[in-house]
C-alpha atoms as a PDB file:
ATOM      1  CA  THR A   1       0.138  -0.047  -0.116  1.00  0.00           C
ATOM      2  CA  CYS A   2       1.123   3.696   0.012  1.00  0.00           C
ATOM      3  CA  ALA A   3       1.907   3.540   3.609  1.00  0.00           C
ATOM      4  CA  GLY A   4       3.854   0.675   2.867  1.00  0.00           C
ATOM      5  CA  PHE A   5       1.121  -2.281   4.504  1.00  0.00           C
ATOM      6  CA  PRO A   6       0.767  -5.665   2.313  1.00  0.00           C
ATOM      7  CA  GLY A   7      -1.686  -4.735  -1.016  1.00  0.00           C
ATOM      8  CA  SER A   8      -3.553  -7.244  -2.553  1.00  0.00           C
ATOM      9  CA  TYR A   9      -0.812  -9.035  -4.855  1.00  0.00           C
ATOM     10  CA  GLY A  10      -0.936 -12.101  -5.500  1.00  0.00           C
ATOM     11  CA  HIS A  11      -4.074 -11.883  -3.548  1.00  0.00           C
ATOM     12  CA  TYR A  12      -6.866 -10.133  -6.106  1.00  0.00           C
ATOM     13  CA  GLU A  13      -9.683 -12.647  -5.672  1.00  0.00           C
ATOM     14  CA  LEU A  14      -9.745 -13.087  -1.821  1.00  0.00           C
ATOM     15  CA  ASP A  15      -9.624  -9.695  -0.819  1.00  0.00           C
ATOM     16  CA  ALA A  16     -12.503  -8.907  -3.905  1.00  0.00           C
ATOM     17  CA  GLN A  17     -14.365 -11.403  -2.171  1.00  0.00           C
ATOM     18  CA  THR A  18     -13.363  -9.878   1.197  1.00  0.00           C
ATOM     19  CA  PHE A  19     -14.842  -6.705   0.366  1.00  0.00           C
ATOM     20  CA  ALA A  20     -18.079  -7.787  -0.975  1.00  0.00           C
ATOM     21  CA  SER A  21     -18.546  -9.994   2.616  1.00  0.00           C
ATOM     22  CA  TRP A  22     -17.982  -6.791   4.186  1.00  0.00           C
ATOM     23  CA  GLY A  23     -21.183  -5.090   2.047  1.00  0.00           C
ATOM     24  CA  VAL A  24     -18.400  -2.708   0.175  1.00  0.00           C
ATOM     25  CA  ASP A  25     -19.597  -0.619  -2.158  1.00  0.00           C
ATOM     26  CA  LEU A  26     -17.055   1.034  -3.787  1.00  0.00           C
ATOM     27  CA  LEU A  27     -13.487   0.000  -3.975  1.00  0.00           C
ATOM     28  CA  LYS A  28     -10.274   2.466  -4.755  1.00  0.00           C
ATOM     29  CA  PHE A  29      -7.329   0.739  -6.217  1.00  0.00           C
ATOM     30  CA  ASP A  30      -4.192   2.621  -6.035  1.00  0.00           C
ATOM     31  CA  GLY A  31      -0.975   1.700  -7.917  1.00  0.00           C
ATOM     32  CA  CYS A  32       1.412   2.330  -4.848  1.00  0.00           C
ATOM     33  CA  ASN A  33       4.871   0.221  -4.773  1.00  0.00           C
ATOM     34  CA  SER A  34       3.193  -1.851  -7.741  1.00  0.00           C
ATOM     35  CA  GLY A  35       7.337  -2.917  -8.635  1.00  0.00           C
ATOM     36  CA  SER A  36       6.857  -1.771 -12.719  1.00  0.00           C
ATOM     37  CA  LEU A  37       4.446  -1.037 -14.850  1.00  0.00           C
ATOM     38  CA  GLU A  38       3.659  -5.007 -16.127  1.00  0.00           C
ATOM     39  CA  LEU A  39       2.431  -5.283 -12.381  1.00  0.00           C
ATOM     40  CA  LEU A  40       0.892  -2.038 -12.600  1.00  0.00           C
ATOM     41  CA  ALA A  41      -1.674  -3.437 -14.923  1.00  0.00           C
ATOM     42  CA  GLU A  42      -1.384  -7.192 -13.914  1.00  0.00           C
ATOM     43  CA  GLY A  43      -2.772  -5.627 -10.611  1.00  0.00           C
ATOM     44  CA  TYR A  44      -5.458  -3.331 -12.288  1.00  0.00           C
ATOM     45  CA  ARG A  45      -6.609  -5.797 -14.386  1.00  0.00           C
ATOM     46  CA  ARG A  46      -6.936  -8.627 -12.095  1.00  0.00           C
ATOM     47  CA  MET A  47      -8.651  -6.997  -9.474  1.00  0.00           C
ATOM     48  CA  SER A  48     -11.708  -5.552 -12.116  1.00  0.00           C
ATOM     49  CA  LEU A  49     -12.246  -9.478 -12.703  1.00  0.00           C
ATOM     50  CA  ALA A  50     -12.236 -10.067  -8.767  1.00  0.00           C
ATOM     51  CA  LEU A  51     -15.198  -7.796  -7.979  1.00  0.00           C
ATOM     52  CA  ASN A  52     -17.027  -9.024 -10.948  1.00  0.00           C
ATOM     53  CA  LYS A  53     -16.527 -12.571  -9.628  1.00  0.00           C
ATOM     54  CA  THR A  54     -17.954 -12.250  -6.657  1.00  0.00           C
ATOM     55  CA  GLY A  55     -21.729 -11.405  -8.116  1.00  0.00           C
ATOM     56  CA  ARG A  56     -21.764  -8.283  -6.357  1.00  0.00           C
ATOM     57  CA  PRO A  57     -21.431  -4.922  -8.008  1.00  0.00           C
ATOM     58  CA  ILE A  58     -18.727  -2.632  -6.735  1.00  0.00           C
ATOM     59  CA  VAL A  59     -17.682   0.408  -8.587  1.00  0.00           C
ATOM     60  CA  TYR A  60     -14.010   0.207  -9.466  1.00  0.00           C
ATOM     61  CA  SER A  61     -12.203   3.395  -9.174  1.00  0.00           C
ATOM     62  CA  CYS A  62      -8.732   2.670 -10.427  1.00  0.00           C
ATOM     63  CA  GLU A  63      -5.347   5.648 -10.478  1.00  0.00           C
ATOM     64  CA  TRP A  64      -3.816   3.704 -13.859  1.00  0.00           C
ATOM     65  CA  PRO A  65      -3.312   6.306 -16.127  1.00  0.00           C
ATOM     66  CA  PHE A  66      -2.493   8.836 -13.552  1.00  0.00           C
ATOM     67  CA  TYR A  67       1.308   5.956 -12.441  1.00  0.00           C
ATOM     68  CA  LEU A  68       1.277   5.879 -15.918  1.00  0.00           C
ATOM     69  CA  ARG A  69       1.465   9.317 -17.225  1.00  0.00           C
ATOM     70  CA  PRO A  70       4.768  10.273 -16.220  1.00  0.00           C
ATOM     71  CA  MET A  71       6.322   7.754 -18.828  1.00  0.00           C
ATOM     72  CA  GLN A  72       4.127   6.202 -21.410  1.00  0.00           C
ATOM     73  CA  GLN A  73       0.291   8.215 -22.689  1.00  0.00           C
ATOM     74  CA  PRO A  74      -2.537   6.024 -20.851  1.00  0.00           C
ATOM     75  CA  ASN A  75      -4.699   3.701 -23.892  1.00  0.00           C
ATOM     76  CA  TYR A  76      -7.919   5.232 -22.061  1.00  0.00           C
ATOM     77  CA  THR A  77      -9.312   2.390 -24.204  1.00  0.00           C
ATOM     78  CA  GLU A  78      -8.240  -0.412 -22.555  1.00  0.00           C
ATOM     79  CA  ILE A  79      -8.761   1.251 -18.865  1.00  0.00           C
ATOM     80  CA  LYS A  80     -11.785   1.604 -19.344  1.00  0.00           C
ATOM     81  CA  GLN A  81     -12.866  -2.021 -20.295  1.00  0.00           C
ATOM     82  CA  TYR A  82     -12.008  -2.737 -16.529  1.00  0.00           C
ATOM     83  CA  CYS A  83     -12.898   0.542 -14.209  1.00  0.00           C
ATOM     84  CA  ASN A  84     -16.014   2.752 -13.684  1.00  0.00           C
ATOM     85  CA  HIS A  85     -13.523   6.040 -13.318  1.00  0.00           C
ATOM     86  CA  TRP A  86     -10.140   6.528 -13.063  1.00  0.00           C
ATOM     87  CA  ARG A  87      -7.419   9.466 -11.575  1.00  0.00           C
ATOM     88  CA  ASN A  88      -5.788  11.635 -14.054  1.00  0.00           C
ATOM     89  CA  PHE A  89      -3.889  14.230 -11.549  1.00  0.00           C
ATOM     90  CA  PHE A  90      -2.837  14.928  -8.406  1.00  0.00           C
ATOM     91  CA  ASP A  91      -4.655  15.522  -4.966  1.00  0.00           C
ATOM     92  CA  VAL A  92      -8.182  17.854  -4.298  1.00  0.00           C
ATOM     93  CA  TYR A  93      -7.037  20.100  -1.655  1.00  0.00           C
ATOM     94  CA  ASP A  94      -9.701  22.310   0.477  1.00  0.00           C
ATOM     95  CA  SER A  95      -7.533  25.268  -2.115  1.00  0.00           C
ATOM     96  CA  TRP A  96      -9.012  27.573  -4.838  1.00  0.00           C
ATOM     97  CA  ASN A  97      -5.523  27.217  -6.256  1.00  0.00           C
ATOM     98  CA  SER A  98      -5.906  23.716  -5.710  1.00  0.00           C
ATOM     99  CA  ILE A  99      -9.665  23.233  -8.102  1.00  0.00           C
ATOM    100  CA  LYS A 100      -7.848  26.186 -10.605  1.00  0.00           C
ATOM    101  CA  SER A 101      -5.414  23.558 -10.678  1.00  0.00           C
ATOM    102  CA  ILE A 102      -7.495  20.439 -12.066  1.00  0.00           C
ATOM    103  CA  VAL A 103      -9.410  22.193 -14.314  1.00  0.00           C
ATOM    104  CA  GLU A 104      -6.645  24.067 -16.358  1.00  0.00           C
ATOM    105  CA  TRP A 105      -4.893  20.558 -16.653  1.00  0.00           C
ATOM    106  CA  THR A 106      -8.122  19.117 -17.728  1.00  0.00           C
ATOM    107  CA  ALA A 107      -8.962  21.209 -20.468  1.00  0.00           C
ATOM    108  CA  LEU A 108      -5.325  21.179 -21.564  1.00  0.00           C
ATOM    109  CA  HIS A 109      -5.429  17.444 -21.966  1.00  0.00           C
ATOM    110  CA  GLN A 110      -8.841  17.082 -22.820  1.00  0.00           C
ATOM    111  CA  ASP A 111      -8.165  15.984 -26.985  1.00  0.00           C
ATOM    112  CA  SER A 112      -7.231  12.782 -25.305  1.00  0.00           C
ATOM    113  CA  ILE A 113      -9.200  12.476 -22.314  1.00  0.00           C
ATOM    114  CA  VAL A 114     -13.213  13.909 -23.256  1.00  0.00           C
ATOM    115  CA  LYS A 115     -13.896  11.457 -26.522  1.00  0.00           C
ATOM    116  CA  ILE A 116     -13.066   8.735 -23.516  1.00  0.00           C
ATOM    117  CA  ALA A 117     -16.106   9.208 -21.168  1.00  0.00           C
ATOM    118  CA  GLY A 118     -19.181   7.848 -21.124  1.00  0.00           C
ATOM    119  CA  PRO A 119     -21.499   5.830 -19.050  1.00  0.00           C
ATOM    120  CA  GLY A 120     -19.535   2.810 -17.254  1.00  0.00           C
ATOM    121  CA  GLY A 121     -16.510   5.454 -17.409  1.00  0.00           C
ATOM    122  CA  TRP A 122     -15.733   8.075 -16.036  1.00  0.00           C
ATOM    123  CA  ASN A 123     -12.449  11.066 -15.402  1.00  0.00           C
ATOM    124  CA  ASP A 124     -11.733  11.904 -12.132  1.00  0.00           C
ATOM    125  CA  PRO A 125     -10.016  14.507 -11.999  1.00  0.00           C
ATOM    126  CA  ASP A 126      -9.387  14.315  -7.928  1.00  0.00           C
ATOM    127  CA  MET A 127      -8.625  11.678  -5.416  1.00  0.00           C
ATOM    128  CA  ALA A 128      -7.274  13.036  -2.275  1.00  0.00           C
ATOM    129  CA  SER A 129      -8.357  15.471   0.675  1.00  0.00           C
ATOM    130  CA  SER A 130      -7.199  16.795   3.792  1.00  0.00           C
ATOM    131  CA  ILE A 131     -10.746  16.607   6.390  1.00  0.00           C
ATOM    132  CA  THR A 132     -10.987  18.466   9.821  1.00  0.00           C
ATOM    133  CA  GLY A 133      -6.968  18.105   9.765  1.00  0.00           C
ATOM    134  CA  HIS A 134      -6.431  14.062   8.212  1.00  0.00           C
ATOM    135  CA  LEU A 135      -5.357  12.914   5.362  1.00  0.00           C
ATOM    136  CA  PHE A 136      -8.619  10.442   3.695  1.00  0.00           C
ATOM    137  CA  ASN A 137      -8.190   8.900  -0.012  1.00  0.00           C
ATOM    138  CA  PHE A 138     -11.384   8.868  -1.514  1.00  0.00           C
ATOM    139  CA  PRO A 139     -12.408   9.708  -4.845  1.00  0.00           C
ATOM    140  CA  SER A 140     -13.208  12.481  -6.852  1.00  0.00           C
ATOM    141  CA  GLN A 141     -14.281  14.860  -4.424  1.00  0.00           C
ATOM    142  CA  LEU A 142     -15.899  18.441  -4.277  1.00  0.00           C
ATOM    143  CA  VAL A 143     -14.280  19.832  -0.884  1.00  0.00           C
ATOM    144  CA  ILE A 144     -17.173  22.041  -0.934  1.00  0.00           C
ATOM    145  CA  GLY A 145     -18.463  22.774   3.282  1.00  0.00           C
ATOM    146  CA  ASN A 146     -15.167  23.033   3.956  1.00  0.00           C
ATOM    147  CA  PHE A 147     -13.322  26.385   4.872  1.00  0.00           C
ATOM    148  CA  GLY A 148     -10.836  26.818   2.198  1.00  0.00           C
ATOM    149  CA  LEU A 149     -13.293  28.256  -0.553  1.00  0.00           C
ATOM    150  CA  SER A 150     -14.885  31.661  -1.259  1.00  0.00           C
ATOM    151  CA  TRP A 151     -18.728  31.237  -2.118  1.00  0.00           C
ATOM    152  CA  ASP A 152     -18.110  31.981  -6.028  1.00  0.00           C
ATOM    153  CA  GLN A 153     -15.748  29.328  -6.144  1.00  0.00           C
ATOM    154  CA  ALA A 154     -17.234  26.656  -4.498  1.00  0.00           C
ATOM    155  CA  VAL A 155     -20.271  27.446  -7.302  1.00  0.00           C
ATOM    156  CA  THR A 156     -17.751  27.180  -9.441  1.00  0.00           C
ATOM    157  CA  GLN A 157     -16.675  23.726  -8.532  1.00  0.00           C
ATOM    158  CA  MET A 158     -19.656  21.909  -8.035  1.00  0.00           C
ATOM    159  CA  ALA A 159     -20.383  23.841 -11.804  1.00  0.00           C
ATOM    160  CA  MET A 160     -17.162  22.660 -13.409  1.00  0.00           C
ATOM    161  CA  TRP A 161     -17.444  19.400 -11.528  1.00  0.00           C
ATOM    162  CA  ALA A 162     -21.297  19.292 -13.808  1.00  0.00           C
ATOM    163  CA  ILE A 163     -19.437  19.874 -16.774  1.00  0.00           C
ATOM    164  CA  MET A 164     -16.848  17.859 -16.354  1.00  0.00           C
ATOM    165  CA  ALA A 165     -19.366  14.606 -15.730  1.00  0.00           C
ATOM    166  CA  ALA A 166     -17.393  14.143 -13.028  1.00  0.00           C
ATOM    167  CA  PRO A 167     -18.600  11.385 -10.234  1.00  0.00           C
ATOM    168  CA  LEU A 168     -19.471  13.485  -7.289  1.00  0.00           C
ATOM    169  CA  PHE A 169     -18.145  12.639  -3.647  1.00  0.00           C
ATOM    170  CA  MET A 170     -18.453  14.800  -0.508  1.00  0.00           C
ATOM    171  CA  SER A 171     -15.842  15.691   1.459  1.00  0.00           C
ATOM    172  CA  ASN A 172     -16.912  17.529   4.755  1.00  0.00           C
ATOM    173  CA  ASP A 173     -18.122  17.151   8.132  1.00  0.00           C
ATOM    174  CA  LEU A 174     -22.195  16.327   7.740  1.00  0.00           C
ATOM    175  CA  ARG A 175     -22.650  17.326  11.454  1.00  0.00           C
ATOM    176  CA  ARG A 176     -20.846  21.299  10.393  1.00  0.00           C
ATOM    177  CA  ILE A 177     -22.489  21.741   7.491  1.00  0.00           C
ATOM    178  CA  SER A 178     -23.724  25.539   6.087  1.00  0.00           C
ATOM    179  CA  PRO A 179     -27.109  25.720   4.595  1.00  0.00           C
ATOM    180  CA  GLU A 180     -25.453  27.791   1.502  1.00  0.00           C
ATOM    181  CA  ALA A 181     -23.214  24.089   1.543  1.00  0.00           C
ATOM    182  CA  LYS A 182     -25.680  22.458   1.784  1.00  0.00           C
ATOM    183  CA  TRP A 183     -27.890  24.045  -0.851  1.00  0.00           C
ATOM    184  CA  LEU A 184     -25.255  23.740  -3.353  1.00  0.00           C
ATOM    185  CA  LEU A 185     -24.546  19.753  -3.026  1.00  0.00           C
ATOM    186  CA  GLN A 186     -27.945  19.641  -2.810  1.00  0.00           C
ATOM    187  CA  ASN A 187     -29.003  21.594  -6.279  1.00  0.00           C
ATOM    188  CA  LYS A 188     -31.527  19.450  -8.979  1.00  0.00           C
ATOM    189  CA  GLU A 189     -30.253  21.333 -11.735  1.00  0.00           C
ATOM    190  CA  VAL A 190     -26.610  20.953 -11.364  1.00  0.00           C
ATOM    191  CA  ILE A 191     -27.099  17.982 -10.420  1.00  0.00           C
ATOM    192  CA  ALA A 192     -29.503  16.598 -13.646  1.00  0.00           C
ATOM    193  CA  ILE A 193     -26.355  18.001 -15.598  1.00  0.00           C
ATOM    194  CA  ASN A 194     -24.063  16.107 -13.978  1.00  0.00           C
ATOM    195  CA  GLN A 195     -26.019  13.113 -14.616  1.00  0.00           C
ATOM    196  CA  ASP A 196     -27.335  13.528 -17.908  1.00  0.00           C
ATOM    197  CA  PRO A 197     -27.856   9.737 -18.681  1.00  0.00           C
ATOM    198  CA  LEU A 198     -25.956  10.999 -22.665  1.00  0.00           C
ATOM    199  CA  GLY A 199     -22.711  10.774 -20.291  1.00  0.00           C
ATOM    200  CA  LYS A 200     -20.684  13.148 -22.384  1.00  0.00           C
ATOM    201  CA  GLN A 201     -18.792  14.993 -20.833  1.00  0.00           C
ATOM    202  CA  GLY A 202     -17.620  18.616 -21.156  1.00  0.00           C
ATOM    203  CA  TYR A 203     -14.695  21.063 -22.622  1.00  0.00           C
ATOM    204  CA  ARG A 204     -13.283  24.092 -22.078  1.00  0.00           C
ATOM    205  CA  ILE A 205     -14.321  26.733 -25.848  1.00  0.00           C
ATOM    206  CA  THR A 206     -11.904  29.182 -25.095  1.00  0.00           C
ATOM    207  CA  LYS A 207      -9.925  30.723 -22.393  1.00  0.00           C
ATOM    208  CA  ASP A 208      -9.604  34.751 -22.701  1.00  0.00           C
ATOM    209  CA  LYS A 209      -7.096  35.645 -19.829  1.00  0.00           C
ATOM    210  CA  ASN A 210      -8.531  35.255 -17.078  1.00  0.00           C
ATOM    211  CA  PHE A 211     -12.410  34.235 -18.565  1.00  0.00           C
ATOM    212  CA  GLU A 212     -12.897  30.866 -19.515  1.00  0.00           C
ATOM    213  CA  LEU A 213     -16.256  29.629 -22.108  1.00  0.00           C
ATOM    214  CA  TRP A 214     -17.081  25.669 -21.722  1.00  0.00           C
ATOM    215  CA  GLU A 215     -19.960  23.753 -22.806  1.00  0.00           C
ATOM    216  CA  ARG A 216     -21.355  19.815 -22.056  1.00  0.00           C
ATOM    217  CA  PRO A 217     -23.958  18.428 -24.350  1.00  0.00           C
ATOM    218  CA  LEU A 218     -26.892  16.770 -22.932  1.00  0.00           C
ATOM    219  CA  SER A 219     -29.629  14.964 -23.909  1.00  0.00           C
ATOM    220  CA  GLY A 220     -32.205  16.422 -26.246  1.00  0.00           C
ATOM    221  CA  GLY A 221     -30.259  17.950 -28.142  1.00  0.00           C
ATOM    222  CA  ALA A 222     -29.739  20.610 -25.160  1.00  0.00           C
ATOM    223  CA  TYR A 223     -26.059  21.741 -24.212  1.00  0.00           C
ATOM    224  CA  ALA A 224     -24.469  23.320 -20.903  1.00  0.00           C
ATOM    225  CA  VAL A 225     -23.210  26.218 -20.905  1.00  0.00           C
ATOM    226  CA  LEU A 226     -20.340  27.295 -18.060  1.00  0.00           C
ATOM    227  CA  PRO A 227     -18.998  30.405 -18.522  1.00  0.00           C
ATOM    228  CA  SER A 228     -26.009  30.294  -9.860  1.00  0.00           C
ATOM    229  CA  SER A 229     -28.098  28.242 -11.805  1.00  0.00           C
ATOM    230  CA  ARG A 230     -31.285  29.943 -12.762  1.00  0.00           C
ATOM    231  CA  ASP A 231     -33.864  30.681 -14.857  1.00  0.00           C
ATOM    232  CA  TRP A 232     -32.766  33.094 -17.699  1.00  0.00           C
ATOM    233  CA  GLY A 233     -36.403  33.004 -19.284  1.00  0.00           C
ATOM    234  CA  VAL A 234     -36.639  32.466 -23.148  1.00  0.00           C
ATOM    235  CA  HIS A 235     -34.095  34.085 -25.913  1.00  0.00           C
ATOM    236  CA  SER A 236     -33.960  33.053 -29.303  1.00  0.00           C
ATOM    237  CA  TRP A 237     -31.097  32.628 -31.194  1.00  0.00           C
ATOM    238  CA  VAL A 238     -30.624  36.521 -32.480  1.00  0.00           C
ATOM    239  CA  SER A 239     -31.453  37.800 -29.063  1.00  0.00           C
ATOM    240  CA  SER A 240     -28.958  38.785 -26.436  1.00  0.00           C
ATOM    241  CA  LEU A 241     -28.166  37.326 -22.990  1.00  0.00           C
ATOM    242  CA  SER A 242     -25.902  40.140 -20.666  1.00  0.00           C
ATOM    243  CA  VAL A 243     -24.559  38.037 -17.468  1.00  0.00           C
ATOM    244  CA  GLU A 244     -22.222  38.923 -14.621  1.00  0.00           C
ATOM    245  CA  VAL A 245     -19.235  36.379 -13.946  1.00  0.00           C
ATOM    246  CA  ASN A 246     -18.043  37.330 -10.343  1.00  0.00           C
ATOM    247  CA  PRO A 247     -13.728  36.747 -10.000  1.00  0.00           C
ATOM    248  CA  THR A 248     -12.957  32.830  -9.899  1.00  0.00           C
ATOM    249  CA  GLY A 249     -17.002  32.424 -10.206  1.00  0.00           C
ATOM    250  CA  THR A 250     -19.926  30.924 -12.670  1.00  0.00           C
ATOM    251  CA  VAL A 251     -22.422  31.127 -13.985  1.00  0.00           C
ATOM    252  CA  LEU A 252     -24.163  28.238 -16.062  1.00  0.00           C
ATOM    253  CA  LEU A 253     -26.774  27.839 -18.238  1.00  0.00           C
ATOM    254  CA  ARG A 254     -29.023  24.547 -20.055  1.00  0.00           C
ATOM    255  CA  VAL A 255     -29.741  26.277 -23.445  1.00  0.00           C
END
C-alpha cells in the first residue's frame, strides 16, 4: 500500500471476496509500490476481474493513468474496459489553487480524455483531500462545505464537476455543514447536468485571460454552458443575453 503495508498483489480474489462480504460499494485501488508498469497493469486488470467474479456490483475506482503518465500515454480504451472511473491528476485539497490547477490540467488534456468518458467509465478529476486535519483517500471529492473556498469558488467547483461529468463525492463534516453549502450540494439542476444520461464530458471552448467558456452536450439536443443556476427566461438565437461573472465565479446555463 501507499503506507508501506502488504497490498493485494497475489491475493486479488481473496481481497475482492472479503470486500464483497463486508458490503463494500466502491473500491479505490491505488498503484503505490507496484514495482513496474507491467505489474501495475496486471494488478488493475486482475482486481477488476476478481470484483466482477464476486457477483456484487462494486464501483471500481482506479489510479492507473496517474501512474502511467510520467512514463507513457495511457491507453484509455483499455482502462475503461476494466475501471469505472480513473484518476488523472494530483490530489485535490481544500483550496482554490488546487481546484484551479485541476480544471486547467483537464482543459490542457481534453483532446485525449474527453472522448473516452461515458456511461460505465469516467475521468476522475481528483482523488485525495484533507478533512479536519486528517488525510483520507477518497475519489473525486467536492471540497464544498469545508473552509478553503469562497462562495463563488464553491459554486465554480460544483458547476465544473457537473460540466466534466465527474463522479460526485462529498468530503466534509456533515455535522458542521452550512445551509448554503448544503443547498449547493443538493442543487437538483446542477446534479441533473452531472447525471445527464448521454454521459458526454464537457470541454473548454475558449480562454481569454482569466475568462473561460466551457460547454457540455446534453441529451435532447441541449447544452450546458459555463462561463448560480437560475431561469433566464426564453431567448432566441438572435436575442442577446448579458450576465456578470464574479472573479473566480461561474455562471452555469442550460440551453
